[in-house]
């Protein structure tokens, strides 16, 4: 895991959110950074390695949406600089209904 992923995982597994997340969760042909089954929410931390993969990300997000899973993409720099705000955003997004299939 990258440093931003590690920091986010510590916050998510520390139950600060009241939600249960899985790390490196397999979903079809993909592996999700973090996944909350109860909220049907995938959280992806996008850093430099993701800068040139917009088409692949769109394909992946579309596949997940078809499975009823919402994807929340968070920039690694935001995790490093605004972790509390990122956690609040994740909790807010988890309260939203899953996307229609």
PDB file of N, CA and C in Angstrom:
ATOM      1  N   UNK A   1       0.840  -1.182   0.000  1.00  0.00           N
ATOM      2  CA  UNK A   1       0.000   0.000   0.000  1.00  0.00           C
ATOM      3  C   UNK A   1       0.887   1.248   0.000  1.00  0.00           C
ATOM      4  N   UNK A   2       0.399   2.257  -0.671  1.00  0.00           N
ATOM      5  CA  UNK A   2       1.082   3.544  -0.643  1.00  0.00           C
ATOM      6  C   UNK A   2       0.821   4.212   0.712  1.00  0.00           C
ATOM      7  N   UNK A   3       1.578   5.264   1.012  1.00  0.00           N
ATOM      8  CA  UNK A   3       1.380   5.975   2.278  1.00  0.00           C
ATOM      9  C   UNK A   3      -0.055   6.500   2.411  1.00  0.00           C
ATOM     10  N   UNK A   4      -0.624   7.159   1.377  1.00  0.00           N
ATOM     11  CA  UNK A   4      -2.010   7.621   1.517  1.00  0.00           C
ATOM     12  C   UNK A   4      -2.989   6.464   1.763  1.00  0.00           C
ATOM     13  N   UNK A   5      -2.790   5.350   1.083  1.00  0.00           N
ATOM     14  CA  UNK A   5      -3.674   4.195   1.301  1.00  0.00           C
ATOM     15  C   UNK A   5      -3.521   3.671   2.727  1.00  0.00           C
ATOM     16  N   UNK A   6      -2.305   3.623   3.211  1.00  0.00           N
ATOM     17  CA  UNK A   6      -2.064   3.150   4.580  1.00  0.00           C
ATOM     18  C   UNK A   6      -2.751   4.061   5.605  1.00  0.00           C
ATOM     19  N   UNK A   7      -2.595   5.361   5.430  1.00  0.00           N
ATOM     20  CA  UNK A   7      -3.219   6.303   6.367  1.00  0.00           C
ATOM     21  C   UNK A   7      -4.739   6.198   6.333  1.00  0.00           C
ATOM     22  N   UNK A   8      -5.286   6.086   5.137  1.00  0.00           N
ATOM     23  CA  UNK A   8      -6.741   5.969   5.021  1.00  0.00           C
ATOM     24  C   UNK A   8      -7.216   4.654   5.630  1.00  0.00           C
ATOM     25  N   UNK A   9      -6.503   3.567   5.391  1.00  0.00           N
ATOM     26  CA  UNK A   9      -6.885   2.280   5.949  1.00  0.00           C
ATOM     27  C   UNK A   9      -6.879   2.326   7.476  1.00  0.00           C
ATOM     28  N   UNK A  10      -5.859   2.957   8.062  1.00  0.00           N
ATOM     29  CA  UNK A  10      -5.827   3.082   9.528  1.00  0.00           C
ATOM     30  C   UNK A  10      -7.059   3.806  10.049  1.00  0.00           C
ATOM     31  N   UNK A  11      -7.455   4.857   9.354  1.00  0.00           N
ATOM     32  CA  UNK A  11      -8.636   5.613   9.778  1.00  0.00           C
ATOM     33  C   UNK A  11      -9.912   4.801   9.579  1.00  0.00           C
ATOM     34  N   UNK A  12     -10.009   4.088   8.460  1.00  0.00           N
ATOM     35  CA  UNK A  12     -11.223   3.314   8.176  1.00  0.00           C
ATOM     36  C   UNK A  12     -11.363   2.120   9.109  1.00  0.00           C
ATOM     37  N   UNK A  13     -10.281   1.413   9.358  1.00  0.00           N
ATOM     38  CA  UNK A  13     -10.378   0.227  10.224  1.00  0.00           C
ATOM     39  C   UNK A  13     -10.442   0.605  11.692  1.00  0.00           C
ATOM     40  N   UNK A  14     -10.084   1.847  12.006  1.00  0.00           N
ATOM     41  CA  UNK A  14     -10.151   2.322  13.375  1.00  0.00           C
ATOM     42  C   UNK A  14     -11.575   2.636  13.804  1.00  0.00           C
ATOM     43  N   UNK A  15     -12.532   2.329  12.948  1.00  0.00           N
ATOM     44  CA  UNK A  15     -13.955   2.511  13.239  1.00  0.00           C
ATOM     45  C   UNK A  15     -14.341   3.965  13.460  1.00  0.00           C
ATOM     46  N   UNK A  16     -13.542   4.902  12.939  1.00  0.00           N
ATOM     47  CA  UNK A  16     -13.919   6.309  13.029  1.00  0.00           C
ATOM     48  C   UNK A  16     -15.196   6.579  12.238  1.00  0.00           C
ATOM     49  N   UNK A  17     -15.494   5.706  11.298  1.00  0.00           N
ATOM     50  CA  UNK A  17     -16.615   5.931  10.395  1.00  0.00           C
ATOM     51  C   UNK A  17     -17.886   5.225  10.831  1.00  0.00           C
ATOM     52  N   UNK A  18     -17.771   4.205  11.664  1.00  0.00           N
ATOM     53  CA  UNK A  18     -18.929   3.386  11.987  1.00  0.00           C
ATOM     54  C   UNK A  18     -19.265   2.417  10.864  1.00  0.00           C
ATOM     55  N   UNK A  19     -18.410   2.359   9.846  1.00  0.00           N
ATOM     56  CA  UNK A  19     -18.618   1.483   8.699  1.00  0.00           C
ATOM     57  C   UNK A  19     -17.541   0.401   8.682  1.00  0.00           C
ATOM     58  N   UNK A  20     -17.853  -0.724   8.061  1.00  0.00           N
ATOM     59  CA  UNK A  20     -16.877  -1.815   7.967  1.00  0.00           C
ATOM     60  C   UNK A  20     -16.348  -1.865   6.536  1.00  0.00           C
ATOM     61  N   UNK A  21     -15.066  -1.606   6.378  1.00  0.00           N
ATOM     62  CA  UNK A  21     -14.426  -1.643   5.066  1.00  0.00           C
ATOM     63  C   UNK A  21     -13.518  -2.844   4.949  1.00  0.00           C
ATOM     64  N   UNK A  22     -13.380  -3.323   3.728  1.00  0.00           N
ATOM     65  CA  UNK A  22     -12.405  -4.368   3.397  1.00  0.00           C
ATOM     66  C   UNK A  22     -11.336  -3.726   2.537  1.00  0.00           C
ATOM     67  N   UNK A  23     -10.126  -4.168   2.679  1.00  0.00           N
ATOM     68  CA  UNK A  23      -8.998  -3.646   1.909  1.00  0.00           C
ATOM     69  C   UNK A  23      -8.653  -4.645   0.813  1.00  0.00           C
ATOM     70  N   UNK A  24      -8.293  -4.127  -0.362  1.00  0.00           N
ATOM     71  CA  UNK A  24      -7.900  -4.964  -1.501  1.00  0.00           C
ATOM     72  C   UNK A  24      -8.955  -6.044  -1.772  1.00  0.00           C
ATOM     73  N   UNK A  25     -10.180  -5.597  -1.933  1.00  0.00           N
ATOM     74  CA  UNK A  25     -11.318  -6.494  -2.104  1.00  0.00           C
ATOM     75  C   UNK A  25     -11.500  -6.876  -3.576  1.00  0.00           C
ATOM     76  N   UNK A  26     -11.532  -8.171  -3.902  1.00  0.00           N
ATOM     77  CA  UNK A  26     -11.749  -8.578  -5.295  1.00  0.00           C
ATOM     78  C   UNK A  26     -13.203  -8.351  -5.713  1.00  0.00           C
ATOM     79  N   UNK A  27     -13.370  -7.836  -6.932  1.00  0.00           N
ATOM     80  CA  UNK A  27     -14.704  -7.620  -7.496  1.00  0.00           C
ATOM     81  C   UNK A  27     -14.615  -7.908  -8.991  1.00  0.00           C
ATOM     82  N   UNK A  28     -15.085  -9.083  -9.398  1.00  0.00           N
ATOM     83  CA  UNK A  28     -14.975  -9.461 -10.804  1.00  0.00           C
ATOM     84  C   UNK A  28     -13.518  -9.424 -11.227  1.00  0.00           C
ATOM     85  N   UNK A  29     -13.222  -8.716 -12.321  1.00  0.00           N
ATOM     86  CA  UNK A  29     -11.838  -8.654 -12.799  1.00  0.00           C
ATOM     87  C   UNK A  29     -10.983  -7.595 -12.089  1.00  0.00           C
ATOM     88  N   UNK A  30     -11.515  -6.958 -11.067  1.00  0.00           N
ATOM     89  CA  UNK A  30     -10.843  -5.834 -10.428  1.00  0.00           C
ATOM     90  C   UNK A  30     -10.520  -6.123  -8.963  1.00  0.00           C
ATOM     91  N   UNK A  31      -9.591  -5.342  -8.422  1.00  0.00           N
ATOM     92  CA  UNK A  31      -9.300  -5.349  -6.988  1.00  0.00           C
ATOM     93  C   UNK A  31      -9.522  -3.917  -6.512  1.00  0.00           C
ATOM     94  N   UNK A  32     -10.427  -3.761  -5.552  1.00  0.00           N
ATOM     95  CA  UNK A  32     -10.804  -2.442  -5.051  1.00  0.00           C
ATOM     96  C   UNK A  32      -9.904  -2.046  -3.886  1.00  0.00           C
ATOM     97  N   UNK A  33      -9.472  -0.791  -3.854  1.00  0.00           N
ATOM     98  CA  UNK A  33      -8.632  -0.337  -2.741  1.00  0.00           C
ATOM     99  C   UNK A  33      -9.346  -0.592  -1.417  1.00  0.00           C
ATOM    100  N   UNK A  34     -10.579  -0.069  -1.297  1.00  0.00           N
ATOM    101  CA  UNK A  34     -11.378  -0.243  -0.082  1.00  0.00           C
ATOM    102  C   UNK A  34     -12.828  -0.443  -0.502  1.00  0.00           C
ATOM    103  N   UNK A  35     -13.532  -1.330   0.202  1.00  0.00           N
ATOM    104  CA  UNK A  35     -14.921  -1.613  -0.151  1.00  0.00           C
ATOM    105  C   UNK A  35     -15.755  -1.775   1.105  1.00  0.00           C
ATOM    106  N   UNK A  36     -16.910  -1.114   1.121  1.00  0.00           N
ATOM    107  CA  UNK A  36     -17.882  -1.257   2.198  1.00  0.00           C
ATOM    108  C   UNK A  36     -19.121  -1.923   1.607  1.00  0.00           C
ATOM    109  N   UNK A  37     -19.349  -3.173   1.977  1.00  0.00           N
ATOM    110  CA  UNK A  37     -20.469  -3.931   1.412  1.00  0.00           C
ATOM    111  C   UNK A  37     -21.814  -3.333   1.817  1.00  0.00           C
ATOM    112  N   UNK A  38     -21.944  -2.938   3.075  1.00  0.00           N
ATOM    113  CA  UNK A  38     -23.218  -2.409   3.558  1.00  0.00           C
ATOM    114  C   UNK A  38     -23.654  -1.181   2.764  1.00  0.00           C
ATOM    115  N   UNK A  39     -22.701  -0.333   2.391  1.00  0.00           N
ATOM    116  CA  UNK A  39     -23.007   0.889   1.644  1.00  0.00           C
ATOM    117  C   UNK A  39     -22.860   0.698   0.137  1.00  0.00           C
ATOM    118  N   UNK A  40     -22.373  -0.497  -0.284  1.00  0.00           N
ATOM    119  CA  UNK A  40     -22.114  -0.747  -1.712  1.00  0.00           C
ATOM    120  C   UNK A  40     -21.221   0.369  -2.265  1.00  0.00           C
ATOM    121  N   UNK A  41     -20.139   0.664  -1.526  1.00  0.00           N
ATOM    122  CA  UNK A  41     -19.258   1.778  -1.839  1.00  0.00           C
ATOM    123  C   UNK A  41     -17.817   1.306  -1.989  1.00  0.00           C
ATOM    124  N   UNK A  42     -17.221   1.662  -3.112  1.00  0.00           N
ATOM    125  CA  UNK A  42     -15.808   1.422  -3.391  1.00  0.00           C
ATOM    126  C   UNK A  42     -15.087   2.754  -3.227  1.00  0.00           C
ATOM    127  N   UNK A  43     -13.987   2.761  -2.484  1.00  0.00           N
ATOM    128  CA  UNK A  43     -13.173   3.956  -2.328  1.00  0.00           C
ATOM    129  C   UNK A  43     -11.815   3.679  -2.969  1.00  0.00           C
ATOM    130  N   UNK A  44     -11.453   4.494  -3.938  1.00  0.00           N
ATOM    131  CA  UNK A  44     -10.181   4.358  -4.646  1.00  0.00           C
ATOM    132  C   UNK A  44      -9.319   5.570  -4.356  1.00  0.00           C
ATOM    133  N   UNK A  45      -8.068   5.339  -3.999  1.00  0.00           N
ATOM    134  CA  UNK A  45      -7.117   6.415  -3.769  1.00  0.00           C
ATOM    135  C   UNK A  45      -6.300   6.567  -5.048  1.00  0.00           C
ATOM    136  N   UNK A  46      -6.436   7.725  -5.677  1.00  0.00           N
ATOM    137  CA  UNK A  46      -5.761   7.977  -6.944  1.00  0.00           C
ATOM    138  C   UNK A  46      -4.543   8.862  -6.732  1.00  0.00           C
ATOM    139  N   UNK A  47      -3.389   8.329  -7.086  1.00  0.00           N
ATOM    140  CA  UNK A  47      -2.136   9.081  -7.010  1.00  0.00           C
ATOM    141  C   UNK A  47      -1.535   9.201  -8.388  1.00  0.00           C
ATOM    142  N   UNK A  48      -0.253   9.416  -8.445  1.00  0.00           N
ATOM    143  CA  UNK A  48       0.431   9.572  -9.729  1.00  0.00           C
ATOM    144  C   UNK A  48       0.264   8.363 -10.630  1.00  0.00           C
ATOM    145  N   UNK A  49       0.217   7.177 -10.058  1.00  0.00           N
ATOM    146  CA  UNK A  49       0.081   5.976 -10.884  1.00  0.00           C
ATOM    147  C   UNK A  49      -1.266   5.938 -11.593  1.00  0.00           C
ATOM    148  N   UNK A  50      -2.229   6.752 -11.163  1.00  0.00           N
ATOM    149  CA  UNK A  50      -3.552   6.781 -11.779  1.00  0.00           C
ATOM    150  C   UNK A  50      -3.718   7.929 -12.769  1.00  0.00           C
ATOM    151  N   UNK A  51      -2.708   8.763 -12.904  1.00  0.00           N
ATOM    152  CA  UNK A  51      -2.840   9.971 -13.708  1.00  0.00           C
ATOM    153  C   UNK A  51      -3.181   9.708 -15.167  1.00  0.00           C
ATOM    154  N   UNK A  52      -2.745   8.603 -15.716  1.00  0.00           N
ATOM    155  CA  UNK A  52      -2.914   8.372 -17.136  1.00  0.00           C
ATOM    156  C   UNK A  52      -3.856   7.211 -17.433  1.00  0.00           C
ATOM    157  N   UNK A  53      -4.749   6.916 -16.518  1.00  0.00           N
ATOM    158  CA  UNK A  53      -5.627   5.755 -16.681  1.00  0.00           C
ATOM    159  C   UNK A  53      -7.103   6.144 -16.685  1.00  0.00           C
ATOM    160  N   UNK A  54      -7.427   7.332 -17.163  1.00  0.00           N
ATOM    161  CA  UNK A  54      -8.811   7.794 -17.104  1.00  0.00           C
ATOM    162  C   UNK A  54      -9.771   6.847 -17.816  1.00  0.00           C
ATOM    163  N   UNK A  55      -9.399   6.354 -18.984  1.00  0.00           N
ATOM    164  CA  UNK A  55     -10.289   5.457 -19.730  1.00  0.00           C
ATOM    165  C   UNK A  55     -10.470   4.141 -18.971  1.00  0.00           C
ATOM    166  N   UNK A  56      -9.389   3.587 -18.457  1.00  0.00           N
ATOM    167  CA  UNK A  56      -9.482   2.337 -17.690  1.00  0.00           C
ATOM    168  C   UNK A  56     -10.329   2.550 -16.438  1.00  0.00           C
ATOM    169  N   UNK A  57     -10.153   3.692 -15.770  1.00  0.00           N
ATOM    170  CA  UNK A  57     -10.953   3.995 -14.578  1.00  0.00           C
ATOM    171  C   UNK A  57     -12.430   4.111 -14.935  1.00  0.00           C
ATOM    172  N   UNK A  58     -12.743   4.750 -16.062  1.00  0.00           N
ATOM    173  CA  UNK A  58     -14.140   4.905 -16.485  1.00  0.00           C
ATOM    174  C   UNK A  58     -14.762   3.544 -16.782  1.00  0.00           C
ATOM    175  N   UNK A  59     -14.000   2.671 -17.415  1.00  0.00           N
ATOM    176  CA  UNK A  59     -14.499   1.316 -17.709  1.00  0.00           C
ATOM    177  C   UNK A  59     -14.760   0.561 -16.414  1.00  0.00           C
ATOM    178  N   UNK A  60     -13.825   0.632 -15.505  1.00  0.00           N
ATOM    179  CA  UNK A  60     -13.948  -0.041 -14.203  1.00  0.00           C
ATOM    180  C   UNK A  60     -15.142   0.510 -13.427  1.00  0.00           C
ATOM    181  N   UNK A  61     -15.262   1.845 -13.361  1.00  0.00           N
ATOM    182  CA  UNK A  61     -16.367   2.464 -12.637  1.00  0.00           C
ATOM    183  C   UNK A  61     -17.706   2.076 -13.246  1.00  0.00           C
ATOM    184  N   UNK A  62     -17.774   1.990 -14.573  1.00  0.00           N
ATOM    185  CA  UNK A  62     -19.004   1.569 -15.249  1.00  0.00           C
ATOM    186  C   UNK A  62     -19.367   0.138 -14.901  1.00  0.00           C
ATOM    187  N   UNK A  63     -18.372  -0.737 -14.873  1.00  0.00           N
ATOM    188  CA  UNK A  63     -18.621  -2.141 -14.521  1.00  0.00           C
ATOM    189  C   UNK A  63     -19.145  -2.223 -13.089  1.00  0.00           C
ATOM    190  N   UNK A  64     -18.509  -1.488 -12.173  1.00  0.00           N
ATOM    191  CA  UNK A  64     -18.953  -1.499 -10.776  1.00  0.00           C
ATOM    192  C   UNK A  64     -20.363  -0.938 -10.644  1.00  0.00           C
ATOM    193  N   UNK A  65     -20.653   0.147 -11.360  1.00  0.00           N
ATOM    194  CA  UNK A  65     -21.993   0.752 -11.315  1.00  0.00           C
ATOM    195  C   UNK A  65     -23.044  -0.265 -11.769  1.00  0.00           C
ATOM    196  N   UNK A  66     -22.721  -1.045 -12.799  1.00  0.00           N
ATOM    197  CA  UNK A  66     -23.645  -2.075 -13.280  1.00  0.00           C
ATOM    198  C   UNK A  66     -23.882  -3.154 -12.228  1.00  0.00           C
ATOM    199  N   UNK A  67     -22.955  -3.294 -11.288  1.00  0.00           N
ATOM    200  CA  UNK A  67     -23.103  -4.260 -10.190  1.00  0.00           C
ATOM    201  C   UNK A  67     -23.784  -3.632  -8.984  1.00  0.00           C
ATOM    202  N   UNK A  68     -24.145  -2.349  -9.100  1.00  0.00           N
ATOM    203  CA  UNK A  68     -24.781  -1.659  -7.986  1.00  0.00           C
ATOM    204  C   UNK A  68     -23.807  -1.104  -6.970  1.00  0.00           C
ATOM    205  N   UNK A  69     -22.563  -0.869  -7.391  1.00  0.00           N
ATOM    206  CA  UNK A  69     -21.523  -0.355  -6.494  1.00  0.00           C
ATOM    207  C   UNK A  69     -21.126   1.049  -6.947  1.00  0.00           C
ATOM    208  N   UNK A  70     -21.140   1.957  -6.016  1.00  0.00           N
ATOM    209  CA  UNK A  70     -20.725   3.339  -6.269  1.00  0.00           C
ATOM    210  C   UNK A  70     -19.218   3.445  -6.035  1.00  0.00           C
ATOM    211  N   UNK A  71     -18.530   4.233  -6.853  1.00  0.00           N
ATOM    212  CA  UNK A  71     -17.090   4.440  -6.691  1.00  0.00           C
ATOM    213  C   UNK A  71     -16.824   5.879  -6.271  1.00  0.00           C
ATOM    214  N   UNK A  72     -16.046   6.034  -5.228  1.00  0.00           N
ATOM    215  CA  UNK A  72     -15.609   7.341  -4.775  1.00  0.00           C
ATOM    216  C   UNK A  72     -14.107   7.408  -4.976  1.00  0.00           C
ATOM    217  N   UNK A  73     -13.666   8.302  -5.835  1.00  0.00           N
ATOM    218  CA  UNK A  73     -12.241   8.469  -6.111  1.00  0.00           C
ATOM    219  C   UNK A  73     -11.705   9.642  -5.301  1.00  0.00           C
ATOM    220  N   UNK A  74     -10.635   9.381  -4.581  1.00  0.00           N
ATOM    221  CA  UNK A  74     -10.034  10.390  -3.709  1.00  0.00           C
ATOM    222  C   UNK A  74      -8.574  10.555  -4.107  1.00  0.00           C
ATOM    223  N   UNK A  75      -8.154  11.787  -4.255  1.00  0.00           N
ATOM    224  CA  UNK A  75      -6.760  12.050  -4.606  1.00  0.00           C
ATOM    225  C   UNK A  75      -5.864  11.777  -3.404  1.00  0.00           C
ATOM    226  N   UNK A  76      -4.729  11.147  -3.675  1.00  0.00           N
ATOM    227  CA  UNK A  76      -3.779  10.825  -2.614  1.00  0.00           C
ATOM    228  C   UNK A  76      -3.349  12.076  -1.863  1.00  0.00           C
ATOM    229  N   UNK A  77      -3.169  13.167  -2.570  1.00  0.00           N
ATOM    230  CA  UNK A  77      -2.753  14.422  -1.931  1.00  0.00           C
ATOM    231  C   UNK A  77      -3.806  14.895  -0.934  1.00  0.00           C
ATOM    232  N   UNK A  78      -5.088  14.631  -1.197  1.00  0.00           N
ATOM    233  CA  UNK A  78      -6.141  15.016  -0.263  1.00  0.00           C
ATOM    234  C   UNK A  78      -6.094  14.155   1.004  1.00  0.00           C
ATOM    235  N   UNK A  79      -5.787  12.871   0.842  1.00  0.00           N
ATOM    236  CA  UNK A  79      -5.651  11.998   2.013  1.00  0.00           C
ATOM    237  C   UNK A  79      -4.505  12.496   2.886  1.00  0.00           C
ATOM    238  N   UNK A  80      -3.405  12.872   2.254  1.00  0.00           N
ATOM    239  CA  UNK A  80      -2.239  13.333   3.008  1.00  0.00           C
ATOM    240  C   UNK A  80      -2.480  14.662   3.711  1.00  0.00           C
ATOM    241  N   UNK A  81      -3.237  15.554   3.078  1.00  0.00           N
ATOM    242  CA  UNK A  81      -3.392  16.893   3.629  1.00  0.00           C
ATOM    243  C   UNK A  81      -4.680  17.151   4.375  1.00  0.00           C
ATOM    244  N   UNK A  82      -5.710  16.377   4.095  1.00  0.00           N
ATOM    245  CA  UNK A  82      -7.043  16.648   4.664  1.00  0.00           C
ATOM    246  C   UNK A  82      -7.751  15.351   5.051  1.00  0.00           C
ATOM    247  N   UNK A  83      -7.089  14.492   5.804  1.00  0.00           N
ATOM    248  CA  UNK A  83      -7.644  13.180   6.127  1.00  0.00           C
ATOM    249  C   UNK A  83      -9.007  13.274   6.809  1.00  0.00           C
ATOM    250  N   UNK A  84      -9.184  14.193   7.733  1.00  0.00           N
ATOM    251  CA  UNK A  84     -10.477  14.321   8.419  1.00  0.00           C
ATOM    252  C   UNK A  84     -11.590  14.671   7.435  1.00  0.00           C
ATOM    253  N   UNK A  85     -11.313  15.566   6.492  1.00  0.00           N
ATOM    254  CA  UNK A  85     -12.308  15.932   5.475  1.00  0.00           C
ATOM    255  C   UNK A  85     -12.605  14.750   4.560  1.00  0.00           C
ATOM    256  N   UNK A  86     -11.587  13.968   4.235  1.00  0.00           N
ATOM    257  CA  UNK A  86     -11.782  12.779   3.402  1.00  0.00           C
ATOM    258  C   UNK A  86     -12.685  11.782   4.120  1.00  0.00           C
ATOM    259  N   UNK A  87     -12.447  11.562   5.398  1.00  0.00           N
ATOM    260  CA  UNK A  87     -13.278  10.638   6.174  1.00  0.00           C
ATOM    261  C   UNK A  87     -14.727  11.123   6.200  1.00  0.00           C
ATOM    262  N   UNK A  88     -14.937  12.413   6.410  1.00  0.00           N
ATOM    263  CA  UNK A  88     -16.306  12.961   6.405  1.00  0.00           C
ATOM    264  C   UNK A  88     -16.971  12.752   5.045  1.00  0.00           C
ATOM    265  N   UNK A  89     -16.211  12.928   3.964  1.00  0.00           N
ATOM    266  CA  UNK A  89     -16.752  12.721   2.619  1.00  0.00           C
ATOM    267  C   UNK A  89     -17.143  11.257   2.407  1.00  0.00           C
ATOM    268  N   UNK A  90     -16.319  10.332   2.877  1.00  0.00           N
ATOM    269  CA  UNK A  90     -16.619   8.905   2.735  1.00  0.00           C
ATOM    270  C   UNK A  90     -17.886   8.556   3.508  1.00  0.00           C
ATOM    271  N   UNK A  91     -18.002   9.035   4.735  1.00  0.00           N
ATOM    272  CA  UNK A  91     -19.194   8.753   5.553  1.00  0.00           C
ATOM    273  C   UNK A  91     -20.434   9.332   4.882  1.00  0.00           C
ATOM    274  N   UNK A  92     -20.319  10.530   4.354  1.00  0.00           N
ATOM    275  CA  UNK A  92     -21.451  11.147   3.649  1.00  0.00           C
ATOM    276  C   UNK A  92     -21.847  10.327   2.423  1.00  0.00           C
ATOM    277  N   UNK A  93     -20.872   9.925   1.651  1.00  0.00           N
ATOM    278  CA  UNK A  93     -21.138   9.134   0.442  1.00  0.00           C
ATOM    279  C   UNK A  93     -21.728   7.771   0.804  1.00  0.00           C
ATOM    280  N   UNK A  94     -21.306   7.181   1.909  1.00  0.00           N
ATOM    281  CA  UNK A  94     -21.829   5.883   2.330  1.00  0.00           C
ATOM    282  C   UNK A  94     -23.312   5.973   2.671  1.00  0.00           C
ATOM    283  N   UNK A  95     -23.793   7.157   3.037  1.00  0.00           N
ATOM    284  CA  UNK A  95     -25.192   7.329   3.358  1.00  0.00           C
ATOM    285  C   UNK A  95     -26.091   7.487   2.140  1.00  0.00           C
ATOM    286  N   UNK A  96     -25.489   7.605   0.960  1.00  0.00           N
ATOM    287  CA  UNK A  96     -26.254   7.764  -0.275  1.00  0.00           C
ATOM    288  C   UNK A  96     -26.743   6.400  -0.749  1.00  0.00           C
ATOM    289  N   UNK A  97     -27.877   6.354  -1.462  1.00  0.00           N
ATOM    290  CA  UNK A  97     -28.330   5.060  -1.995  1.00  0.00           C
ATOM    291  C   UNK A  97     -27.398   4.576  -3.086  1.00  0.00           C
ATOM    292  N   UNK A  98     -27.304   3.247  -3.267  1.00  0.00           N
ATOM    293  CA  UNK A  98     -26.451   2.710  -4.323  1.00  0.00           C
ATOM    294  C   UNK A  98     -26.980   3.130  -5.704  1.00  0.00           C
ATOM    295  N   UNK A  99     -26.136   3.127  -6.718  1.00  0.00           N
ATOM    296  CA  UNK A  99     -26.584   3.513  -8.049  1.00  0.00           C
ATOM    297  C   UNK A  99     -27.576   2.498  -8.610  1.00  0.00           C
ATOM    298  N   UNK A 100     -28.484   2.923  -9.460  1.00  0.00           N
ATOM    299  CA  UNK A 100     -29.402   1.963 -10.075  1.00  0.00           C
ATOM    300  C   UNK A 100     -28.636   1.018 -10.983  1.00  0.00           C
ATOM    301  N   UNK A 101     -29.107  -0.209 -11.069  1.00  0.00           N
ATOM    302  CA  UNK A 101     -28.431  -1.195 -11.932  1.00  0.00           C
ATOM    303  C   UNK A 101     -28.928  -1.087 -13.341  1.00  0.00           C
TER     304      UNK A 101
END
